[in-house]
């Protein structure tokens, strides 16, 4: 995942962020009961956001804690910053954090984003490998002009593959 940070450090960071976010949910719940209008709604929205965010971090911790970095997590859980939450996150949540918590948050979000990219790539590679081993799927791919064109273009970008095809 990240060559600059050991897996153990990544897990520790994620767990620290999870603990902080659980306490923040309690704070937002208390604030929501004391606020009205948009402020109360923002607090309730933050609670939902934090629940989803925590689920994503827990998924990553589960994947990383045994040290294998197996990328078996749920991408939907991990990518927990839906477009409709960006303003809430950047304008309501981040400004409420202390500088230390903001640094921790930024580090954890960087790890989460990197993990999500790696996980998506892992899913794509797994799917492709399964498809290339199934004769029925290969026949379906061969019948799809668009897919064959994409595959052909990728092969043409790799001189070693062209050489292997030429030398058959």
Protein backbone atom coordinates (compact mmCIF):
# COMPACT_ATOMS: atom_id res chain seq x y z
CA UNK A 1 0.00 0.00 0.00
CA UNK A 2 2.32 2.81 1.12
CA UNK A 3 6.04 2.17 1.11
CA UNK A 4 6.70 5.11 3.46
CA UNK A 5 4.48 3.82 6.27
CA UNK A 6 4.62 0.33 7.71
CA UNK A 7 1.37 -1.64 7.81
CA UNK A 8 1.42 -1.61 11.62
CA UNK A 9 1.63 2.21 11.57
CA UNK A 10 -1.22 2.36 9.06
CA UNK A 11 -3.39 0.17 11.30
CA UNK A 12 -2.53 2.29 14.35
CA UNK A 13 -3.42 5.49 12.48
CA UNK A 14 -6.73 4.01 11.28
CA UNK A 15 -7.62 2.83 14.78
CA UNK A 16 -6.81 6.25 16.25
CA UNK A 17 -9.03 7.91 13.64
CA UNK A 18 -11.85 5.42 14.31
CA UNK A 19 -11.70 6.16 18.04
CA UNK A 20 -11.77 9.90 17.47
CA UNK A 21 -14.68 9.63 15.05
CA UNK A 22 -16.72 7.54 17.51
CA UNK A 23 -16.30 10.30 20.10
CA UNK A 24 -17.16 12.93 17.47
CA UNK A 25 -20.40 11.10 16.69
CA UNK A 26 -21.37 11.42 20.36
CA UNK A 27 -20.52 15.14 20.25
CA UNK A 28 -22.56 15.69 17.07
CA UNK A 29 -25.47 13.76 18.57
CA UNK A 30 -25.44 16.02 21.63
CA UNK A 31 -25.10 19.14 19.46
CA UNK A 32 -28.01 18.03 17.24
CA UNK A 33 -30.31 17.93 20.25
CA UNK A 34 -29.30 21.48 21.20
CA UNK A 35 -29.31 23.00 17.71
CA UNK A 36 -32.13 23.82 15.29
CA UNK A 37 -32.53 24.20 11.56
CA UNK A 38 -29.54 23.74 9.27
CA UNK A 39 -27.07 23.38 12.15
CA UNK A 40 -29.02 20.43 13.58
CA UNK A 41 -29.31 18.90 10.12
CA UNK A 42 -25.56 19.30 9.56
CA UNK A 43 -24.89 17.51 12.85
CA UNK A 44 -27.17 14.61 11.90
CA UNK A 45 -25.60 14.43 8.43
CA UNK A 46 -22.15 14.35 10.03
CA UNK A 47 -23.19 11.42 12.20
CA UNK A 48 -24.22 9.46 9.10
CA UNK A 49 -21.04 10.48 7.32
CA UNK A 50 -18.90 9.42 10.28
CA UNK A 51 -20.67 6.04 10.49
CA UNK A 52 -19.84 5.37 6.85
CA UNK A 53 -16.32 6.70 7.27
CA UNK A 54 -15.73 4.43 10.27
CA UNK A 55 -17.03 1.44 8.28
CA UNK A 56 -14.46 2.21 5.59
CA UNK A 57 -11.61 2.49 8.08
CA UNK A 58 -12.68 -0.73 9.81
CA UNK A 59 -12.67 -2.51 6.46
CA UNK A 60 -9.12 -1.34 5.81
CA UNK A 61 -7.98 -2.31 9.32
CA UNK A 62 -9.44 -5.80 8.87
CA UNK A 63 -7.55 -6.18 5.59
CA UNK A 64 -4.28 -4.86 6.99
CA UNK A 65 -4.11 -6.08 10.58
CA UNK A 66 -2.78 -9.54 9.74
CA UNK A 67 -0.01 -7.92 7.72
CA UNK A 68 -0.90 -9.51 4.39
CA UNK A 69 -2.54 -6.45 2.83
CA UNK A 70 -4.91 -8.78 0.97
CA UNK A 71 -7.15 -6.08 -0.54
CA UNK A 72 -10.36 -7.98 0.16
CA UNK A 73 -12.31 -4.97 1.46
CA UNK A 74 -15.54 -3.49 0.24
CA UNK A 75 -14.73 -0.58 -2.07
CA UNK A 76 -18.14 0.99 -1.37
CA UNK A 77 -17.31 1.19 2.36
CA UNK A 78 -13.86 2.58 1.74
CA UNK A 79 -14.82 5.32 -0.70
CA UNK A 80 -17.11 6.98 1.83
CA UNK A 81 -16.95 10.58 0.64
CA UNK A 82 -19.92 10.78 -1.71
CA UNK A 83 -20.21 13.93 -3.79
CA UNK A 84 -23.10 15.26 -1.72
CA UNK A 85 -20.93 15.04 1.43
CA UNK A 86 -17.90 16.95 0.12
CA UNK A 87 -19.19 20.37 1.17
CA UNK A 88 -20.28 19.04 4.56
CA UNK A 89 -16.85 17.46 5.04
CA UNK A 90 -14.74 20.39 3.85
CA UNK A 91 -16.78 23.32 5.17
CA UNK A 92 -18.41 21.91 8.31
CA UNK A 93 -16.27 19.02 9.55
CA UNK A 94 -12.64 19.84 8.74
CA UNK A 95 -12.76 23.37 10.20
CA UNK A 96 -14.03 21.89 13.48
CA UNK A 97 -10.89 19.76 13.92
CA UNK A 98 -7.81 20.81 15.83
CA UNK A 99 -4.60 21.13 13.82
CA UNK A 100 -3.39 17.80 15.22
CA UNK A 101 -6.65 16.03 14.38
CA UNK A 102 -6.68 17.60 10.91
CA UNK A 103 -3.17 16.28 10.23
CA UNK A 104 -4.24 12.83 11.41
CA UNK A 105 -7.39 13.07 9.29
CA UNK A 106 -5.42 14.06 6.19
CA UNK A 107 -2.97 11.19 6.68
CA UNK A 108 -5.77 8.69 7.17
CA UNK A 109 -7.69 9.99 4.15
CA UNK A 110 -4.55 9.70 2.01
CA UNK A 111 -4.14 6.09 3.10
CA UNK A 112 -7.82 5.40 2.49
CA UNK A 113 -7.69 6.92 -1.00
CA UNK A 114 -4.54 4.95 -1.88
CA UNK A 115 -6.11 1.79 -0.51
CA UNK A 116 -9.29 2.37 -2.54
CA UNK A 117 -7.25 2.79 -5.74
CA UNK A 118 -5.24 -0.36 -5.00
CA UNK A 119 -8.41 -2.27 -4.15
CA UNK A 120 -10.15 -1.19 -7.36
CA UNK A 121 -7.11 -2.28 -9.36
CA UNK A 122 -7.08 -5.60 -7.53
CA UNK A 123 -10.75 -6.19 -8.38
CA UNK A 124 -10.14 -5.36 -12.05
CA UNK A 125 -7.14 -7.67 -12.26
CA UNK A 126 -8.99 -10.51 -10.54
CA UNK A 127 -11.96 -10.16 -12.87
CA UNK A 128 -9.73 -10.06 -15.95
CA UNK A 129 -7.80 -13.15 -14.88
CA UNK A 130 -11.01 -15.06 -14.24
CA UNK A 131 -12.36 -14.03 -17.65
CA UNK A 132 -9.17 -15.03 -19.47
CA UNK A 133 -9.33 -18.51 -17.96
CA UNK A 134 -12.95 -19.23 -18.92
CA UNK A 135 -13.41 -20.46 -22.52
CA UNK A 136 -17.05 -19.29 -22.63
CA UNK A 137 -16.07 -15.80 -21.54
CA UNK A 138 -13.20 -15.73 -24.05
CA UNK A 139 -15.72 -16.55 -26.81
CA UNK A 140 -17.94 -13.72 -25.61
CA UNK A 141 -14.97 -11.32 -25.56
CA UNK A 142 -13.97 -12.38 -29.07
CA UNK A 143 -17.52 -11.61 -30.26
CA UNK A 144 -17.38 -8.09 -28.81
CA UNK A 145 -15.62 -5.82 -31.30
CA UNK A 146 -15.13 -3.05 -28.75
CA UNK A 147 -13.40 -5.34 -26.24
CA UNK A 148 -11.20 -6.90 -28.92
CA UNK A 149 -10.19 -3.40 -30.06
CA UNK A 150 -9.30 -2.42 -26.47
CA UNK A 151 -7.26 -5.59 -26.00
CA UNK A 152 -5.56 -5.14 -29.37
CA UNK A 153 -4.63 -1.55 -28.50
CA UNK A 154 -3.16 -2.66 -25.17
CA UNK A 155 -1.13 -5.35 -26.92
CA UNK A 156 0.18 -2.87 -29.51
CA UNK A 157 1.46 -0.72 -26.62
CA UNK A 158 3.64 -3.58 -25.36
CA UNK A 159 6.59 -4.46 -27.59
CA UNK A 160 7.24 -7.76 -25.79
CA UNK A 161 3.73 -8.97 -26.62
CA UNK A 162 4.05 -7.89 -30.24
CA UNK A 163 7.37 -9.73 -30.45
CA UNK A 164 5.82 -12.84 -28.93
CA UNK A 165 2.97 -12.73 -31.46
CA UNK A 166 5.40 -12.15 -34.34
CA UNK A 167 7.61 -15.04 -33.28
CA UNK A 168 4.81 -17.62 -33.17
